[in-house]
């Protein structure tokens, strides 16, 4: 996504991203049109091209921004935490919280990966792998320290991520169980699966 100078350009960029998230989340990438996007932001369709080059660029920008933010925030969350068990608990709490709060980004990053052009998909898959590696590294350290009993770190990491990520499909902030308790439940489930 190209950037325009000035605060109004930054505000327009932010509005385009927000509208893009809403429309793609609600309709899917293929069904969303740039005409709809322009109307949502209050631009003439032709003016939209002053801010984005193509619809594909918009999708890549949204997913790339999500993945970069995810990586930056998990690294900040884990900074200064040394013990593998504490790192695993911090990872679980972060992952659940992020996925509850950024439901649209998570959904689009997963469901619309298929809509990315091969070159863009390759870059996003590399970022996803880097995030998965954060968890695998925690598990490997725990196994090396004889704290965790895991037969296959990669399979275990994928299984844990699938369970944790699932929360964004069913979590209801008005539901009977609060966020903190849900984090505690998920933490217990993961620890039961990895602790000796």
Protein backbone atom coordinates (compact mmCIF):
# COMPACT_ATOMS: atom_id res chain seq x y z
CA UNK A 1 0.00 0.00 0.00
CA UNK A 2 1.49 3.35 -0.98
CA UNK A 3 1.71 6.09 1.60
CA UNK A 4 0.63 9.65 1.13
CA UNK A 5 2.14 12.61 2.90
CA UNK A 6 0.37 14.60 5.57
CA UNK A 7 -1.97 13.75 8.40
CA UNK A 8 -5.02 13.53 6.13
CA UNK A 9 -3.15 10.92 4.08
CA UNK A 10 -2.40 8.92 7.21
CA UNK A 11 -6.01 9.19 8.32
CA UNK A 12 -7.19 8.07 4.90
CA UNK A 13 -4.76 5.12 4.97
CA UNK A 14 -6.07 4.11 8.40
CA UNK A 15 -9.67 4.45 7.20
CA UNK A 16 -8.93 2.31 4.14
CA UNK A 17 -7.35 -0.40 6.29
CA UNK A 18 -10.27 -0.36 8.73
CA UNK A 19 -12.86 -0.49 5.96
CA UNK A 20 -10.88 -3.20 4.18
CA UNK A 21 -10.84 -5.32 7.34
CA UNK A 22 -14.60 -4.88 7.79
CA UNK A 23 -15.50 -5.67 4.20
CA UNK A 24 -13.18 -8.64 3.74
CA UNK A 25 -14.21 -10.08 7.11
CA UNK A 26 -17.91 -9.72 6.26
CA UNK A 27 -17.89 -10.70 2.58
CA UNK A 28 -14.60 -12.35 1.75
CA UNK A 29 -11.82 -10.98 -0.41
CA UNK A 30 -13.26 -12.10 -3.74
CA UNK A 31 -16.68 -10.58 -3.07
CA UNK A 32 -15.36 -7.23 -1.85
CA UNK A 33 -15.00 -4.57 -4.52
CA UNK A 34 -12.79 -1.53 -4.55
CA UNK A 35 -15.90 0.50 -5.38
CA UNK A 36 -17.43 -0.63 -2.07
CA UNK A 37 -14.19 0.20 -0.28
CA UNK A 38 -14.07 3.68 -1.78
CA UNK A 39 -17.71 4.32 -0.84
CA UNK A 40 -17.10 3.14 2.74
CA UNK A 41 -14.17 5.54 3.10
CA UNK A 42 -15.92 8.41 1.33
CA UNK A 43 -13.65 8.53 -1.73
CA UNK A 44 -14.35 8.50 -5.43
CA UNK A 45 -13.34 5.09 -6.85
CA UNK A 46 -10.59 6.67 -8.95
CA UNK A 47 -9.17 8.47 -5.92
CA UNK A 48 -8.66 5.18 -4.12
CA UNK A 49 -5.72 4.46 -6.43
CA UNK A 50 -3.87 7.39 -4.87
CA UNK A 51 -3.71 5.24 -1.72
CA UNK A 52 -3.57 1.62 -2.90
CA UNK A 53 -2.25 0.20 -6.15
CA UNK A 54 -4.42 -2.94 -6.32
CA UNK A 55 -6.90 -4.97 -4.32
CA UNK A 56 -4.15 -7.59 -3.89
CA UNK A 57 -1.88 -4.95 -2.36
CA UNK A 58 -4.58 -4.10 0.15
CA UNK A 59 -4.97 -7.74 1.20
CA UNK A 60 -1.23 -8.25 1.49
CA UNK A 61 -0.88 -5.05 3.52
CA UNK A 62 -3.63 -6.12 5.95
CA UNK A 63 -2.21 -9.61 6.51
CA UNK A 64 1.41 -8.43 6.60
CA UNK A 65 0.58 -5.74 9.15
CA UNK A 66 -1.24 -8.33 11.28
CA UNK A 67 1.71 -10.75 11.22
CA UNK A 68 4.35 -8.09 11.92
CA UNK A 69 2.28 -6.79 14.84
CA UNK A 70 1.79 -10.31 16.15
CA UNK A 71 5.54 -10.99 16.08
CA UNK A 72 6.48 -7.66 17.64
CA UNK A 73 3.98 -8.09 20.44
CA UNK A 74 4.89 -11.70 21.29
CA UNK A 75 8.56 -10.76 21.44
CA UNK A 76 7.76 -7.85 23.77
CA UNK A 77 5.55 -10.13 25.88
CA UNK A 78 8.28 -12.77 26.28
CA UNK A 79 11.14 -10.34 26.87
CA UNK A 80 12.81 -10.92 30.23
CA UNK A 81 10.96 -14.20 30.91
CA UNK A 82 13.53 -16.99 31.12
CA UNK A 83 11.89 -20.11 32.55
CA UNK A 84 10.22 -22.27 29.85
CA UNK A 85 7.08 -22.82 31.93
CA UNK A 86 6.65 -19.09 32.51
CA UNK A 87 7.34 -18.40 28.83
CA UNK A 88 4.72 -20.98 27.80
CA UNK A 89 2.13 -19.45 30.15
CA UNK A 90 2.92 -15.97 28.80
CA UNK A 91 2.64 -17.22 25.22
CA UNK A 92 -0.76 -18.80 25.90
CA UNK A 93 -2.15 -15.69 27.59
CA UNK A 94 -0.83 -13.43 24.83
CA UNK A 95 -2.08 -15.62 21.99
CA UNK A 96 -5.58 -15.91 23.42
CA UNK A 97 -5.85 -12.20 24.22
CA UNK A 98 -4.57 -11.12 20.80
CA UNK A 99 -6.91 -13.51 18.98
CA UNK A 100 -9.92 -12.34 20.98
CA UNK A 101 -9.13 -8.67 20.40
CA UNK A 102 -8.17 -8.94 16.72
CA UNK A 103 -10.73 -11.37 15.43
CA UNK A 104 -11.00 -9.80 11.95
CA UNK A 105 -7.25 -9.74 11.37
CA UNK A 106 -6.86 -13.34 12.54
CA UNK A 107 -9.74 -14.56 10.38
CA UNK A 108 -8.51 -12.75 7.27
CA UNK A 109 -4.92 -13.85 7.87
CA UNK A 110 -6.06 -17.45 7.92
CA UNK A 111 -9.03 -17.64 5.55
CA UNK A 112 -7.64 -15.33 2.88
CA UNK A 113 -4.10 -16.71 2.74
CA UNK A 114 -5.32 -18.62 -0.31
CA UNK A 115 -6.21 -15.33 -2.03
CA UNK A 116 -2.66 -13.99 -1.93
CA UNK A 117 -0.52 -14.15 -5.04
CA UNK A 118 2.27 -16.76 -4.67
CA UNK A 119 4.99 -14.17 -4.03
CA UNK A 120 2.95 -12.51 -1.28
CA UNK A 121 1.80 -15.83 0.18
CA UNK A 122 5.42 -16.96 0.50
CA UNK A 123 6.30 -13.87 2.56
CA UNK A 124 3.30 -14.32 4.87
CA UNK A 125 3.97 -18.04 5.33
CA UNK A 126 7.53 -17.16 6.40
CA UNK A 127 6.15 -14.76 9.02
CA UNK A 128 3.68 -17.39 10.23
CA UNK A 129 6.51 -19.88 10.54
CA UNK A 130 8.50 -17.34 12.57
CA UNK A 131 5.59 -17.04 14.99
CA UNK A 132 5.20 -20.82 15.22
CA UNK A 133 8.94 -20.99 15.91
CA UNK A 134 8.46 -18.83 18.99
CA UNK A 135 6.27 -21.55 20.49
CA UNK A 136 8.41 -24.42 19.20
CA UNK A 137 11.46 -22.78 20.78
CA UNK A 138 9.72 -22.63 24.16
CA UNK A 139 8.72 -26.28 23.89
CA UNK A 140 12.21 -27.38 22.79
CA UNK A 141 13.79 -25.55 25.73
CA UNK A 142 11.35 -27.21 28.10
CA UNK A 143 12.13 -30.64 26.66
CA UNK A 144 15.89 -30.01 26.86
CA UNK A 145 15.49 -29.00 30.50
CA UNK A 146 13.47 -32.18 31.17
CA UNK A 147 10.49 -30.06 32.20
CA UNK A 148 8.24 -30.99 29.26
CA UNK A 149 7.53 -34.47 27.93
CA UNK A 150 6.77 -34.05 24.24
CA UNK A 151 7.14 -36.73 21.58
CA UNK A 152 7.13 -34.33 18.61
CA UNK A 153 7.66 -30.60 19.15
CA UNK A 154 6.36 -29.51 15.73
CA UNK A 155 3.13 -31.53 15.99
CA UNK A 156 2.62 -30.35 19.57
CA UNK A 157 3.15 -26.71 18.58
CA UNK A 158 0.60 -27.00 15.75
CA UNK A 159 -1.92 -28.70 18.04
CA UNK A 160 -1.51 -26.05 20.74
CA UNK A 161 -1.84 -23.22 18.21
CA UNK A 162 -4.96 -24.78 16.67
CA UNK A 163 -6.61 -25.07 20.08
CA UNK A 164 -5.69 -21.55 21.15
CA UNK A 165 -6.57 -19.91 17.84
CA UNK A 166 -9.99 -21.54 17.86
CA UNK A 167 -11.10 -19.10 20.56
CA UNK A 168 -11.65 -16.35 18.00
CA UNK A 169 -14.40 -18.40 16.33
CA UNK A 170 -16.54 -18.89 19.43
CA UNK A 171 -15.56 -16.37 22.11
CA UNK A 172 -18.41 -14.12 23.24
CA UNK A 173 -17.53 -11.21 25.55
CA UNK A 174 -21.06 -11.49 26.99
CA UNK A 175 -20.68 -15.24 27.53
CA UNK A 176 -20.84 -17.05 30.84
CA UNK A 177 -17.05 -17.37 31.25
CA UNK A 178 -14.79 -14.34 31.46
CA UNK A 179 -11.58 -13.84 29.54
CA UNK A 180 -9.29 -14.44 32.53
CA UNK A 181 -10.97 -17.74 33.34
CA UNK A 182 -10.78 -18.83 29.71
CA UNK A 183 -7.05 -18.12 29.72
CA UNK A 184 -6.70 -20.19 32.90
CA UNK A 185 -8.67 -23.10 31.39
CA UNK A 186 -6.60 -23.10 28.20
CA UNK A 187 -3.37 -22.84 30.19
CA UNK A 188 -4.30 -25.88 32.28
CA UNK A 189 -5.20 -27.86 29.14
CA UNK A 190 -1.88 -27.06 27.47
CA UNK A 191 0.17 -27.76 30.59
CA UNK A 192 -1.58 -31.09 31.13
CA UNK A 193 -0.43 -32.06 27.67
CA UNK A 194 3.22 -31.09 28.01
CA UNK A 195 4.30 -31.37 31.65
CA UNK A 196 6.00 -34.53 32.87
